[in-house]
Amino acid sequence: MQRKGGQKAVGSTRVEAPVRVPARAPAQVAALAKEVRPAVVPARPGGNVAAVSPEPRPAFAPLIEMNQGEAEHRHFPRAQLATRFEVWVDDEAGERRFEASLVSVNVSVSGAFLESTFYLPLGTVLGVRFALEPGAAPVQARAEIVREERGNGPEGRSGFGVRFLDFSGQTEVALARLFVGMRLRAFAEDYLKSQRARSLPNEVERVVDVLAAWELLKATSSVSDPWQG
């Protein structure tokens, strides 16, 4: 692959970019970029594994802000989130010819900005994999590079923006929950306490009723749009 600036990626290349968390990100968000080591489980005599209660996860509350015009975010809000992105490029035969590990500056349902000291041509299609919080199942998608910044942007950062093209295994739902999960949970918990919800015969009917109530609320009150709050 021909890189910008006359550099080439030859064969299968692995690039490890330095982890540099944006100065404006909260300290607790920066901690999420660290790799999570599995807990050591002690063994009992006889080879049996002792049951160990998992450690509680830290509170996960990245800063959410509305999109300010970046192409990769479109009209969705974005989260200031420093998390590890594995990115790669496959050739026509499906063989991996380039891979790298980068850290995000922000993420939305439709794209992300990744810090990088190297650049790939605009329009390059990447495979990407990342977790939204330690221990969570990874989100996997195909993404297209839509813009780049070389330290001369308004925030002085270096890297490129990607727009998600499609996702694997409905993992985009995890992204949506990052932005609307708390509001949907609060609404569902409150509605399920109602006499109507308790009178429904099974769980499926209650789920359908909650969805119908949520859509009705959205149609009658613009303030209830979960992407705006």
C-alpha atoms as a PDB file:
ATOM      1  CA  MET A   1       0.000   0.000   0.000  1.00  0.00           C
ATOM      2  CA  GLN A   2       1.294   3.483  -0.873  1.00  0.00           C
ATOM      3  CA  ARG A   3       1.210   5.790   2.119  1.00  0.00           C
ATOM      4  CA  LYS A   4       1.091   9.542   1.926  1.00  0.00           C
ATOM      5  CA  GLY A   5       4.456  11.225   2.148  1.00  0.00           C
ATOM      6  CA  GLY A   6       6.142   8.605  -0.022  1.00  0.00           C
ATOM      7  CA  GLN A   7       6.238   5.853   2.636  1.00  0.00           C
ATOM      8  CA  LYS A   8       5.156   2.310   1.843  1.00  0.00           C
ATOM      9  CA  ALA A   9       3.799  -0.505   3.969  1.00  0.00           C
ATOM     10  CA  VAL A  10       5.547  -3.674   2.801  1.00  0.00           C
ATOM     11  CA  GLY A  11       4.190  -7.119   3.584  1.00  0.00           C
ATOM     12  CA  SER A  12       2.412  -7.590   6.893  1.00  0.00           C
ATOM     13  CA  THR A  13       3.221  -4.518   8.967  1.00  0.00           C
ATOM     14  CA  ARG A  14       2.463  -3.932  12.614  1.00  0.00           C
ATOM     15  CA  VAL A  15       2.515  -0.355  13.867  1.00  0.00           C
ATOM     16  CA  GLU A  16       2.189   0.451  17.548  1.00  0.00           C
ATOM     17  CA  ALA A  17       1.289   4.107  18.028  1.00  0.00           C
ATOM     18  CA  PRO A  18       2.164   5.775  21.331  1.00  0.00           C
ATOM     19  CA  VAL A  19      -0.716   6.067  23.757  1.00  0.00           C
ATOM     20  CA  ARG A  20      -1.404   9.758  24.222  1.00  0.00           C
ATOM     21  CA  VAL A  21      -4.632  10.721  25.955  1.00  0.00           C
ATOM     22  CA  PRO A  22      -6.132  14.122  24.985  1.00  0.00           C
ATOM     23  CA  ALA A  23      -5.472  16.755  27.619  1.00  0.00           C
ATOM     24  CA  ARG A  24      -9.140  17.629  27.870  1.00  0.00           C
ATOM     25  CA  ALA A  25     -10.268  14.073  28.706  1.00  0.00           C
ATOM     26  CA  PRO A  26     -11.071  13.404  32.388  1.00  0.00           C
ATOM     27  CA  ALA A  27      -8.553  11.324  34.327  1.00  0.00           C
ATOM     28  CA  GLN A  28     -11.029   8.538  34.846  1.00  0.00           C
ATOM     29  CA  VAL A  29     -11.555   8.253  31.071  1.00  0.00           C
ATOM     30  CA  ALA A  30      -7.823   8.101  30.472  1.00  0.00           C
ATOM     31  CA  ALA A  31      -7.607   5.083  32.760  1.00  0.00           C
ATOM     32  CA  LEU A  32      -9.871   3.136  30.395  1.00  0.00           C
ATOM     33  CA  ALA A  33      -7.130   3.119  27.743  1.00  0.00           C
ATOM     34  CA  LYS A  34      -4.992   0.788  29.877  1.00  0.00           C
ATOM     35  CA  GLU A  35      -5.038  -2.911  29.144  1.00  0.00           C
ATOM     36  CA  VAL A  36      -7.022  -4.989  31.606  1.00  0.00           C
ATOM     37  CA  ARG A  37      -5.156  -7.973  33.037  1.00  0.00           C
ATOM     38  CA  PRO A  38      -7.183 -11.077  33.922  1.00  0.00           C
ATOM     39  CA  ALA A  39      -7.497 -11.835  37.620  1.00  0.00           C
ATOM     40  CA  VAL A  40      -5.431 -14.744  38.962  1.00  0.00           C
ATOM     41  CA  VAL A  41      -7.759 -17.463  40.263  1.00  0.00           C
ATOM     42  CA  PRO A  42      -6.287 -19.535  43.127  1.00  0.00           C
ATOM     43  CA  ALA A  43      -6.451 -23.318  42.844  1.00  0.00           C
ATOM     44  CA  ARG A  44      -7.743 -25.532  45.612  1.00  0.00           C
ATOM     45  CA  PRO A  45      -6.001 -28.775  46.613  1.00  0.00           C
ATOM     46  CA  GLY A  46      -6.908 -31.497  44.153  1.00  0.00           C
ATOM     47  CA  GLY A  47      -6.941 -29.196  41.150  1.00  0.00           C
ATOM     48  CA  ASN A  48     -10.351 -27.602  41.732  1.00  0.00           C
ATOM     49  CA  VAL A  49     -10.608 -23.913  41.024  1.00  0.00           C
ATOM     50  CA  ALA A  50     -11.745 -21.742  43.876  1.00  0.00           C
ATOM     51  CA  ALA A  51     -14.728 -19.516  43.179  1.00  0.00           C
ATOM     52  CA  VAL A  52     -13.707 -15.879  43.308  1.00  0.00           C
ATOM     53  CA  SER A  53     -16.161 -12.990  43.145  1.00  0.00           C
ATOM     54  CA  PRO A  54     -15.285 -10.638  40.279  1.00  0.00           C
ATOM     55  CA  GLU A  55     -14.036  -7.210  41.208  1.00  0.00           C
ATOM     56  CA  PRO A  56     -16.635  -4.478  40.671  1.00  0.00           C
ATOM     57  CA  ARG A  57     -16.171  -2.471  37.495  1.00  0.00           C
ATOM     58  CA  PRO A  58     -15.337   1.204  37.813  1.00  0.00           C
ATOM     59  CA  ALA A  59     -18.041   3.718  36.983  1.00  0.00           C
ATOM     60  CA  PHE A  60     -18.095   4.300  33.219  1.00  0.00           C
ATOM     61  CA  ALA A  61     -19.343   7.760  32.269  1.00  0.00           C
ATOM     62  CA  PRO A  62     -17.491   9.345  29.328  1.00  0.00           C
ATOM     63  CA  LEU A  63     -18.218  12.973  28.532  1.00  0.00           C
ATOM     64  CA  ILE A  64     -20.974  13.187  25.882  1.00  0.00           C
ATOM     65  CA  GLU A  65     -21.163  16.200  23.585  1.00  0.00           C
ATOM     66  CA  MET A  66     -23.098  17.068  20.442  1.00  0.00           C
ATOM     67  CA  ASN A  67     -21.364  16.780  17.072  1.00  0.00           C
ATOM     68  CA  GLN A  68     -19.583  19.934  15.916  1.00  0.00           C
ATOM     69  CA  GLY A  69     -19.480  19.146  12.215  1.00  0.00           C
ATOM     70  CA  GLU A  70     -16.964  16.300  11.787  1.00  0.00           C
ATOM     71  CA  ALA A  71     -17.893  14.118   8.821  1.00  0.00           C
ATOM     72  CA  GLU A  72     -17.392  10.853  10.718  1.00  0.00           C
ATOM     73  CA  HIS A  73     -19.948  11.769  13.394  1.00  0.00           C
ATOM     74  CA  ARG A  74     -22.724  13.204  11.199  1.00  0.00           C
ATOM     75  CA  HIS A  75     -25.693  14.201  13.379  1.00  0.00           C
ATOM     76  CA  PHE A  76     -24.969  11.812  16.268  1.00  0.00           C
ATOM     77  CA  PRO A  77     -23.486  12.973  19.567  1.00  0.00           C
ATOM     78  CA  ARG A  78     -19.955  11.851  20.380  1.00  0.00           C
ATOM     79  CA  ALA A  79     -18.235  10.624  23.535  1.00  0.00           C
ATOM     80  CA  GLN A  80     -14.786  11.771  24.607  1.00  0.00           C
ATOM     81  CA  LEU A  81     -13.369   8.292  25.015  1.00  0.00           C
ATOM     82  CA  ALA A  82      -9.751   7.089  24.979  1.00  0.00           C
ATOM     83  CA  THR A  83      -9.894   3.386  24.126  1.00  0.00           C
ATOM     84  CA  ARG A  84      -7.637   1.044  22.192  1.00  0.00           C
ATOM     85  CA  PHE A  85      -8.539   0.506  18.520  1.00  0.00           C
ATOM     86  CA  GLU A  86      -7.061  -2.411  16.590  1.00  0.00           C
ATOM     87  CA  VAL A  87      -7.127  -1.469  12.896  1.00  0.00           C
ATOM     88  CA  TRP A  88      -6.079  -3.488   9.854  1.00  0.00           C
ATOM     89  CA  VAL A  89      -6.202  -3.608   6.057  1.00  0.00           C
ATOM     90  CA  ASP A  90      -6.768  -6.830   4.093  1.00  0.00           C
ATOM     91  CA  ASP A  91      -5.852  -7.384   0.456  1.00  0.00           C
ATOM     92  CA  GLU A  92      -8.213  -8.739  -2.213  1.00  0.00           C
ATOM     93  CA  ALA A  93      -7.436 -12.307  -1.172  1.00  0.00           C
ATOM     94  CA  GLY A  94      -8.370 -11.575   2.431  1.00  0.00           C
ATOM     95  CA  GLU A  95      -4.765 -11.658   3.633  1.00  0.00           C
ATOM     96  CA  ARG A  96      -3.817  -9.054   6.209  1.00  0.00           C
ATOM     97  CA  ARG A  97      -1.199  -6.676   4.815  1.00  0.00           C
ATOM     98  CA  PHE A  98      -1.253  -3.944   7.453  1.00  0.00           C
ATOM     99  CA  GLU A  99      -2.292  -3.635  11.102  1.00  0.00           C
ATOM    100  CA  ALA A 100      -1.829  -1.085  13.857  1.00  0.00           C
ATOM    101  CA  SER A 101      -2.947  -0.266  17.386  1.00  0.00           C
ATOM    102  CA  LEU A 102      -4.229   3.269  18.003  1.00  0.00           C
ATOM    103  CA  VAL A 103      -6.112   5.179  20.693  1.00  0.00           C
ATOM    104  CA  SER A 104      -9.340   7.067  20.072  1.00  0.00           C
ATOM    105  CA  VAL A 105      -9.970  10.702  20.963  1.00  0.00           C
ATOM    106  CA  ASN A 106     -13.739  10.414  20.570  1.00  0.00           C
ATOM    107  CA  VAL A 107     -16.323   7.891  19.384  1.00  0.00           C
ATOM    108  CA  SER A 108     -19.888   8.093  18.096  1.00  0.00           C
ATOM    109  CA  VAL A 109     -22.382   5.635  16.606  1.00  0.00           C
ATOM    110  CA  SER A 110     -21.217   6.618  13.136  1.00  0.00           C
ATOM    111  CA  GLY A 111     -17.460   7.135  13.499  1.00  0.00           C
ATOM    112  CA  ALA A 112     -14.374   7.929  15.560  1.00  0.00           C
ATOM    113  CA  PHE A 113     -11.228  10.045  15.571  1.00  0.00           C
ATOM    114  CA  LEU A 114      -7.987   8.096  16.134  1.00  0.00           C
ATOM    115  CA  GLU A 115      -4.690   9.603  17.221  1.00  0.00           C
ATOM    116  CA  SER A 116      -1.864   8.597  14.877  1.00  0.00           C
ATOM    117  CA  THR A 117       1.631   9.605  13.790  1.00  0.00           C
ATOM    118  CA  PHE A 118       1.215   7.874  10.420  1.00  0.00           C
ATOM    119  CA  TYR A 119      -1.379   8.372   7.684  1.00  0.00           C
ATOM    120  CA  LEU A 120      -3.194   6.267   5.134  1.00  0.00           C
ATOM    121  CA  PRO A 121      -4.906   7.544   1.968  1.00  0.00           C
ATOM    122  CA  LEU A 122      -8.377   9.032   2.328  1.00  0.00           C
ATOM    123  CA  GLY A 123     -10.965   6.451   1.328  1.00  0.00           C
ATOM    124  CA  THR A 124      -8.955   3.517   2.724  1.00  0.00           C
ATOM    125  CA  VAL A 125     -11.287   0.869   4.178  1.00  0.00           C
ATOM    126  CA  LEU A 126     -10.125  -0.577   7.497  1.00  0.00           C
ATOM    127  CA  GLY A 127     -11.231  -3.357   9.762  1.00  0.00           C
ATOM    128  CA  VAL A 128     -11.563  -2.029  13.327  1.00  0.00           C
ATOM    129  CA  ARG A 129     -12.089  -3.667  16.713  1.00  0.00           C
ATOM    130  CA  PHE A 130     -12.431  -1.911  20.071  1.00  0.00           C
ATOM    131  CA  ALA A 131     -14.052  -2.255  23.502  1.00  0.00           C
ATOM    132  CA  LEU A 132     -16.037   0.560  25.090  1.00  0.00           C
ATOM    133  CA  GLU A 133     -15.000  -0.375  28.622  1.00  0.00           C
ATOM    134  CA  PRO A 134     -12.723  -2.954  30.285  1.00  0.00           C
ATOM    135  CA  GLY A 135     -14.111  -6.467  30.087  1.00  0.00           C
ATOM    136  CA  ALA A 136     -16.864  -5.579  27.598  1.00  0.00           C
ATOM    137  CA  ALA A 137     -17.387  -7.533  24.378  1.00  0.00           C
ATOM    138  CA  PRO A 138     -15.589  -5.748  21.515  1.00  0.00           C
ATOM    139  CA  VAL A 139     -17.294  -3.772  18.787  1.00  0.00           C
ATOM    140  CA  GLN A 140     -16.111  -4.861  15.331  1.00  0.00           C
ATOM    141  CA  ALA A 141     -16.774  -2.975  12.110  1.00  0.00           C
ATOM    142  CA  ARG A 142     -15.519  -1.865   8.720  1.00  0.00           C
ATOM    143  CA  ALA A 143     -14.627   1.809   8.563  1.00  0.00           C
ATOM    144  CA  GLU A 144     -13.508   4.307   5.928  1.00  0.00           C
ATOM    145  CA  ILE A 145     -10.934   7.064   6.476  1.00  0.00           C
ATOM    146  CA  VAL A 146     -12.757  10.315   5.727  1.00  0.00           C
ATOM    147  CA  ARG A 147     -10.356  13.030   6.937  1.00  0.00           C
ATOM    148  CA  GLU A 148      -6.992  13.620   8.587  1.00  0.00           C
ATOM    149  CA  GLU A 149      -5.291  16.161  10.828  1.00  0.00           C
ATOM    150  CA  ARG A 150      -1.508  16.587  10.899  1.00  0.00           C
ATOM    151  CA  GLY A 151      -1.082  18.733  13.979  1.00  0.00           C
ATOM    152  CA  ASN A 152      -2.346  21.843  12.213  1.00  0.00           C
ATOM    153  CA  GLY A 153      -6.029  21.523  13.115  1.00  0.00           C
ATOM    154  CA  PRO A 154      -7.911  23.726  15.588  1.00  0.00           C
ATOM    155  CA  GLU A 155      -6.984  21.395  18.471  1.00  0.00           C
ATOM    156  CA  GLY A 156      -3.409  20.690  17.341  1.00  0.00           C
ATOM    157  CA  ARG A 157      -3.950  16.936  17.243  1.00  0.00           C
ATOM    158  CA  SER A 158      -2.554  14.386  14.795  1.00  0.00           C
ATOM    159  CA  GLY A 159      -4.578  11.505  13.398  1.00  0.00           C
ATOM    160  CA  PHE A 160      -7.521  10.635  11.182  1.00  0.00           C
ATOM    161  CA  GLY A 161     -11.297  10.341  11.337  1.00  0.00           C
ATOM    162  CA  VAL A 162     -13.082   7.156  10.301  1.00  0.00           C
ATOM    163  CA  ARG A 163     -16.722   6.612   9.385  1.00  0.00           C
ATOM    164  CA  PHE A 164     -18.221   3.223  10.246  1.00  0.00           C
ATOM    165  CA  LEU A 165     -19.590   1.421   7.178  1.00  0.00           C
ATOM    166  CA  ASP A 166     -21.076  -1.694   8.769  1.00  0.00           C
ATOM    167  CA  PHE A 167     -20.832  -3.752  11.946  1.00  0.00           C
ATOM    168  CA  SER A 168     -20.441  -7.436  12.781  1.00  0.00           C
ATOM    169  CA  GLY A 169     -22.844  -9.336  15.016  1.00  0.00           C
ATOM    170  CA  GLN A 170     -25.055  -6.343  15.893  1.00  0.00           C
ATOM    171  CA  THR A 171     -22.210  -4.900  17.976  1.00  0.00           C
ATOM    172  CA  GLU A 172     -23.419  -1.417  17.029  1.00  0.00           C
ATOM    173  CA  VAL A 173     -26.044  -1.849  19.751  1.00  0.00           C
ATOM    174  CA  ALA A 174     -23.262  -1.503  22.332  1.00  0.00           C
ATOM    175  CA  LEU A 175     -22.397   1.870  20.799  1.00  0.00           C
ATOM    176  CA  ALA A 176     -26.010   3.016  20.913  1.00  0.00           C
ATOM    177  CA  ARG A 177     -26.293   2.022  24.592  1.00  0.00           C
ATOM    178  CA  LEU A 178     -23.283   4.204  25.392  1.00  0.00           C
ATOM    179  CA  PHE A 179     -25.404   7.244  24.488  1.00  0.00           C
ATOM    180  CA  VAL A 180     -29.018   6.290  25.218  1.00  0.00           C
ATOM    181  CA  GLY A 181     -28.773   3.333  27.603  1.00  0.00           C
ATOM    182  CA  MET A 182     -29.193   5.270  30.846  1.00  0.00           C
ATOM    183  CA  ARG A 183     -32.262   7.169  29.640  1.00  0.00           C
ATOM    184  CA  LEU A 184     -33.882   4.050  28.177  1.00  0.00           C
ATOM    185  CA  ARG A 185     -33.226   2.085  31.362  1.00  0.00           C
ATOM    186  CA  ALA A 186     -34.746   4.804  33.542  1.00  0.00           C
ATOM    187  CA  PHE A 187     -37.814   5.011  31.293  1.00  0.00           C
ATOM    188  CA  ALA A 188     -38.259   1.212  31.157  1.00  0.00           C
ATOM    189  CA  GLU A 189     -37.871   0.733  34.920  1.00  0.00           C
ATOM    190  CA  ASP A 190     -40.452   3.419  35.604  1.00  0.00           C
ATOM    191  CA  TYR A 191     -42.930   2.155  33.002  1.00  0.00           C
ATOM    192  CA  LEU A 192     -42.671  -1.470  34.132  1.00  0.00           C
ATOM    193  CA  LYS A 193     -43.981  -0.398  37.554  1.00  0.00           C
ATOM    194  CA  SER A 194     -47.254   0.722  35.973  1.00  0.00           C
ATOM    195  CA  GLN A 195     -50.481  -1.237  36.389  1.00  0.00           C
ATOM    196  CA  ARG A 196     -50.723  -1.720  32.621  1.00  0.00           C
ATOM    197  CA  ALA A 197     -47.247  -3.292  32.360  1.00  0.00           C
ATOM    198  CA  ARG A 198     -47.891  -5.594  35.336  1.00  0.00           C
ATOM    199  CA  SER A 199     -51.135  -6.801  33.740  1.00  0.00           C
ATOM    200  CA  LEU A 200     -49.471  -8.054  30.540  1.00  0.00           C
ATOM    201  CA  PRO A 201     -49.146 -11.846  30.267  1.00  0.00           C
ATOM    202  CA  ASN A 202     -45.450 -12.320  29.420  1.00  0.00           C
ATOM    203  CA  GLU A 203     -42.045 -10.673  29.011  1.00  0.00           C
ATOM    204  CA  VAL A 204     -42.335 -10.215  25.225  1.00  0.00           C
ATOM    205  CA  GLU A 205     -45.605  -8.317  25.586  1.00  0.00           C
ATOM    206  CA  ARG A 206     -44.046  -6.081  28.235  1.00  0.00           C
ATOM    207  CA  VAL A 207     -41.047  -5.331  25.992  1.00  0.00           C
ATOM    208  CA  VAL A 208     -43.327  -4.441  23.076  1.00  0.00           C
ATOM    209  CA  ASP A 209     -45.409  -2.221  25.354  1.00  0.00           C
ATOM    210  CA  VAL A 210     -42.356  -0.380  26.673  1.00  0.00           C
ATOM    211  CA  LEU A 211     -41.133   0.225  23.108  1.00  0.00           C
ATOM    212  CA  ALA A 212     -44.544   1.490  22.051  1.00  0.00           C
ATOM    213  CA  ALA A 213     -44.704   3.840  25.062  1.00  0.00           C
ATOM    214  CA  TRP A 214     -41.203   5.164  24.323  1.00  0.00           C
ATOM    215  CA  GLU A 215     -42.036   5.838  20.662  1.00  0.00           C
ATOM    216  CA  LEU A 216     -45.249   7.589  21.709  1.00  0.00           C
ATOM    217  CA  LEU A 217     -43.304   9.801  24.110  1.00  0.00           C
ATOM    218  CA  LYS A 218     -40.797  10.694  21.378  1.00  0.00           C
ATOM    219  CA  ALA A 219     -43.600  11.570  18.961  1.00  0.00           C
ATOM    220  CA  THR A 220     -45.297  13.885  21.429  1.00  0.00           C
ATOM    221  CA  SER A 221     -42.274  15.570  23.039  1.00  0.00           C
ATOM    222  CA  SER A 222     -39.093  16.630  21.224  1.00  0.00           C
ATOM    223  CA  VAL A 223     -37.339  16.972  24.603  1.00  0.00           C
ATOM    224  CA  SER A 224     -37.490  13.169  24.921  1.00  0.00           C
ATOM    225  CA  ASP A 225     -35.189  12.602  21.953  1.00  0.00           C
ATOM    226  CA  PRO A 226     -32.452  10.448  23.568  1.00  0.00           C
ATOM    227  CA  TRP A 227     -29.779  11.632  21.120  1.00  0.00           C
ATOM    228  CA  GLN A 228     -30.164  15.224  22.298  1.00  0.00           C
ATOM    229  CA  GLY A 229     -29.746  14.685  26.016  1.00  0.00           C
END
